[in-house]
Amino acid sequence: MKRIKVRFNLGAGKNFMKWKIERPDGIISYHSPGEVQLLMAGCVLKNQRSTALKIFQGANKTVCSWILCESIEIMVPKISGKINELDRVSYNPRVAPNWIFRGSVADGTRFNNLVSLDNKVFNCP
């Protein structure tokens, strides 16, 4: 089954700092993190470790991580009720060349639900 690919776009241009959603049918959309909240179901964290390691060691940033999900809901307005920092899923190859969840490497980890809040992602059990 093909999955939806979600990542935070850091490429220069009009879609800089927006969520990029690529659907299996080829449709691509961009969403401002301040205007929407993404609810992703059936997720797995993907990382190109060799590329991330080069970035960690000082190379220029390039696309090397994303979230694959079975379904996505783009919600407006945002809800932040029960989201807390302990459940954050983070990725910054300048800091660590892996997805991090609760202080541990989380590359390849599966989550039932992930939710965005601004440009951050949280586990939503």
C-alpha atoms as a PDB file:
ATOM      1  CA  MET A   1       0.000   0.000   0.000  1.00  0.00           C
ATOM      2  CA  LYS A   2       1.333   3.416  -0.942  1.00  0.00           C
ATOM      3  CA  ARG A   3       1.415   5.933   1.870  1.00  0.00           C
ATOM      4  CA  ILE A   4       1.140   9.670   2.286  1.00  0.00           C
ATOM      5  CA  LYS A   5       4.521  11.362   2.731  1.00  0.00           C
ATOM      6  CA  VAL A   6       4.695  14.330   5.127  1.00  0.00           C
ATOM      7  CA  ARG A   7       7.678  16.542   5.868  1.00  0.00           C
ATOM      8  CA  PHE A   8       8.513  20.075   6.920  1.00  0.00           C
ATOM      9  CA  ASN A   9       9.733  22.006   3.879  1.00  0.00           C
ATOM     10  CA  LEU A  10      12.915  24.021   4.433  1.00  0.00           C
ATOM     11  CA  GLY A  11      13.655  24.633   0.757  1.00  0.00           C
ATOM     12  CA  ALA A  12      13.814  28.292  -0.292  1.00  0.00           C
ATOM     13  CA  GLY A  13      10.760  29.740  -1.996  1.00  0.00           C
ATOM     14  CA  LYS A  14       7.106  30.459  -1.372  1.00  0.00           C
ATOM     15  CA  ASN A  15       6.594  27.171   0.494  1.00  0.00           C
ATOM     16  CA  PHE A  16       9.526  27.669   2.900  1.00  0.00           C
ATOM     17  CA  MET A  17       8.628  26.598   6.461  1.00  0.00           C
ATOM     18  CA  LYS A  18       5.388  24.868   5.453  1.00  0.00           C
ATOM     19  CA  TRP A  19       4.192  21.287   5.805  1.00  0.00           C
ATOM     20  CA  LYS A  20       4.544  19.417   2.530  1.00  0.00           C
ATOM     21  CA  ILE A  21       2.069  16.588   1.939  1.00  0.00           C
ATOM     22  CA  GLU A  22       2.646  14.208  -0.995  1.00  0.00           C
ATOM     23  CA  ARG A  23      -0.249  11.853  -1.715  1.00  0.00           C
ATOM     24  CA  PRO A  24       0.124   8.502  -3.524  1.00  0.00           C
ATOM     25  CA  ASP A  25      -1.773   9.895  -6.546  1.00  0.00           C
ATOM     26  CA  GLY A  26       0.961  12.523  -7.026  1.00  0.00           C
ATOM     27  CA  ILE A  27      -0.956  15.492  -5.590  1.00  0.00           C
ATOM     28  CA  ILE A  28       1.282  17.739  -3.499  1.00  0.00           C
ATOM     29  CA  SER A  29       0.007  20.392  -1.101  1.00  0.00           C
ATOM     30  CA  TYR A  30       1.667  22.846   1.266  1.00  0.00           C
ATOM     31  CA  HIS A  31       0.187  24.103   4.527  1.00  0.00           C
ATOM     32  CA  SER A  32       1.238  26.862   6.903  1.00  0.00           C
ATOM     33  CA  PRO A  33       1.897  25.393  10.362  1.00  0.00           C
ATOM     34  CA  GLY A  34       0.326  28.455  11.984  1.00  0.00           C
ATOM     35  CA  GLU A  35      -2.968  27.916  10.154  1.00  0.00           C
ATOM     36  CA  VAL A  36      -3.531  24.156  10.265  1.00  0.00           C
ATOM     37  CA  GLN A  37      -2.973  21.131  12.417  1.00  0.00           C
ATOM     38  CA  LEU A  38      -2.203  17.750  10.860  1.00  0.00           C
ATOM     39  CA  LEU A  39      -3.606  14.556  12.330  1.00  0.00           C
ATOM     40  CA  MET A  40      -1.731  11.601  10.851  1.00  0.00           C
ATOM     41  CA  ALA A  41      -2.734   7.950  11.364  1.00  0.00           C
ATOM     42  CA  GLY A  42      -0.767   4.741  10.785  1.00  0.00           C
ATOM     43  CA  CYS A  43       2.611   6.488  10.809  1.00  0.00           C
ATOM     44  CA  VAL A  44       6.237   5.429  10.498  1.00  0.00           C
ATOM     45  CA  LEU A  45       9.273   7.721  10.865  1.00  0.00           C
ATOM     46  CA  LYS A  46      11.690   7.526   7.918  1.00  0.00           C
ATOM     47  CA  ASN A  47      15.287   8.754   7.821  1.00  0.00           C
ATOM     48  CA  GLN A  48      18.137   8.525   5.328  1.00  0.00           C
ATOM     49  CA  ARG A  49      20.795   8.000   7.964  1.00  0.00           C
ATOM     50  CA  SER A  50      23.845   8.457   5.730  1.00  0.00           C
ATOM     51  CA  THR A  51      22.553  11.816   4.467  1.00  0.00           C
ATOM     52  CA  ALA A  52      21.548  12.879   7.985  1.00  0.00           C
ATOM     53  CA  LEU A  53      25.015  11.963   9.282  1.00  0.00           C
ATOM     54  CA  LYS A  54      26.648  14.187   6.639  1.00  0.00           C
ATOM     55  CA  ILE A  55      24.394  17.088   7.695  1.00  0.00           C
ATOM     56  CA  PHE A  56      25.194  16.370  11.364  1.00  0.00           C
ATOM     57  CA  GLN A  57      28.896  16.629  10.440  1.00  0.00           C
ATOM     58  CA  GLY A  58      28.394  20.030   8.759  1.00  0.00           C
ATOM     59  CA  ALA A  59      27.204  19.419   5.187  1.00  0.00           C
ATOM     60  CA  ASN A  60      24.426  21.536   3.704  1.00  0.00           C
ATOM     61  CA  LYS A  61      20.916  20.462   4.606  1.00  0.00           C
ATOM     62  CA  THR A  62      18.956  18.409   2.096  1.00  0.00           C
ATOM     63  CA  VAL A  63      15.804  16.292   2.341  1.00  0.00           C
ATOM     64  CA  CYS A  64      16.550  13.221   4.437  1.00  0.00           C
ATOM     65  CA  SER A  65      13.530  12.562   6.672  1.00  0.00           C
ATOM     66  CA  TRP A  66       9.761  12.305   6.473  1.00  0.00           C
ATOM     67  CA  ILE A  67       6.712  10.697   8.024  1.00  0.00           C
ATOM     68  CA  LEU A  68       4.813   8.058   6.069  1.00  0.00           C
ATOM     69  CA  CYS A  69       1.160   7.764   7.058  1.00  0.00           C
ATOM     70  CA  GLU A  70      -1.889   5.810   5.961  1.00  0.00           C
ATOM     71  CA  SER A  71      -4.255   8.764   6.337  1.00  0.00           C
ATOM     72  CA  ILE A  72      -4.112  12.450   7.161  1.00  0.00           C
ATOM     73  CA  GLU A  73      -6.639  15.009   8.306  1.00  0.00           C
ATOM     74  CA  ILE A  74      -5.901  18.713   7.905  1.00  0.00           C
ATOM     75  CA  MET A  75      -7.704  20.443  10.746  1.00  0.00           C
ATOM     76  CA  VAL A  76      -8.677  24.064  11.269  1.00  0.00           C
ATOM     77  CA  PRO A  77      -8.756  25.558  13.850  1.00  0.00           C
ATOM     78  CA  LYS A  78      -5.865  24.088  15.760  1.00  0.00           C
ATOM     79  CA  ILE A  79      -6.423  22.162  18.959  1.00  0.00           C
ATOM     80  CA  SER A  80      -3.716  21.872  21.590  1.00  0.00           C
ATOM     81  CA  GLY A  81      -5.594  20.434  24.568  1.00  0.00           C
ATOM     82  CA  LYS A  82      -3.612  17.382  25.707  1.00  0.00           C
ATOM     83  CA  ILE A  83      -0.397  17.773  23.714  1.00  0.00           C
ATOM     84  CA  ASN A  84       2.662  18.015  25.942  1.00  0.00           C
ATOM     85  CA  GLU A  85       6.407  18.163  25.468  1.00  0.00           C
ATOM     86  CA  LEU A  86       6.995  14.648  26.856  1.00  0.00           C
ATOM     87  CA  ASP A  87       5.317  13.177  23.794  1.00  0.00           C
ATOM     88  CA  ARG A  88       7.234  15.208  21.200  1.00  0.00           C
ATOM     89  CA  VAL A  89       8.758  13.475  18.207  1.00  0.00           C
ATOM     90  CA  SER A  90      11.658  15.584  16.924  1.00  0.00           C
ATOM     91  CA  TYR A  91      14.061  15.703  14.031  1.00  0.00           C
ATOM     92  CA  ASN A  92      16.975  18.066  13.469  1.00  0.00           C
ATOM     93  CA  PRO A  93      20.025  16.517  11.779  1.00  0.00           C
ATOM     94  CA  ARG A  94      22.207  19.378  13.047  1.00  0.00           C
ATOM     95  CA  VAL A  95      21.497  18.166  16.601  1.00  0.00           C
ATOM     96  CA  ALA A  96      21.215  14.381  16.022  1.00  0.00           C
ATOM     97  CA  PRO A  97      21.126  12.378  12.757  1.00  0.00           C
ATOM     98  CA  ASN A  98      17.971  10.529  13.814  1.00  0.00           C
ATOM     99  CA  TRP A  99      14.333  10.953  14.741  1.00  0.00           C
ATOM    100  CA  ILE A 100      14.157  11.289  18.546  1.00  0.00           C
ATOM    101  CA  PHE A 101      11.272  10.246  20.809  1.00  0.00           C
ATOM    102  CA  ARG A 102      11.502  10.341  24.624  1.00  0.00           C
ATOM    103  CA  GLY A 103      15.291  10.714  24.397  1.00  0.00           C
ATOM    104  CA  SER A 104      15.874   7.659  22.189  1.00  0.00           C
ATOM    105  CA  VAL A 105      16.526   7.074  18.492  1.00  0.00           C
ATOM    106  CA  ALA A 106      13.150   6.566  16.812  1.00  0.00           C
ATOM    107  CA  ASP A 107      14.002   5.924  13.134  1.00  0.00           C
ATOM    108  CA  GLY A 108      11.514   3.391  11.774  1.00  0.00           C
ATOM    109  CA  THR A 109       9.238   3.697  14.823  1.00  0.00           C
ATOM    110  CA  ARG A 110       5.538   3.195  14.168  1.00  0.00           C
ATOM    111  CA  PHE A 111       2.881   5.379  15.764  1.00  0.00           C
ATOM    112  CA  ASN A 112      -0.878   4.946  15.662  1.00  0.00           C
ATOM    113  CA  ASN A 113      -1.377   8.725  15.552  1.00  0.00           C
ATOM    114  CA  LEU A 114       0.834  11.782  15.273  1.00  0.00           C
ATOM    115  CA  VAL A 115      -0.383  15.364  15.455  1.00  0.00           C
ATOM    116  CA  SER A 116       1.326  18.617  14.510  1.00  0.00           C
ATOM    117  CA  LEU A 117       1.316  21.760  16.605  1.00  0.00           C
ATOM    118  CA  ASP A 118       2.918  24.594  14.648  1.00  0.00           C
ATOM    119  CA  ASN A 119       6.126  23.063  13.235  1.00  0.00           C
ATOM    120  CA  LYS A 120       6.406  20.334  15.894  1.00  0.00           C
ATOM    121  CA  VAL A 121       5.073  16.769  15.914  1.00  0.00           C
ATOM    122  CA  PHE A 122       3.664  14.889  18.904  1.00  0.00           C
ATOM    123  CA  ASN A 123       2.593  11.336  19.658  1.00  0.00           C
ATOM    124  CA  CYS A 124      -1.176  11.281  20.077  1.00  0.00           C
ATOM    125  CA  PRO A 125      -2.069   7.918  21.671  1.00  0.00           C
END
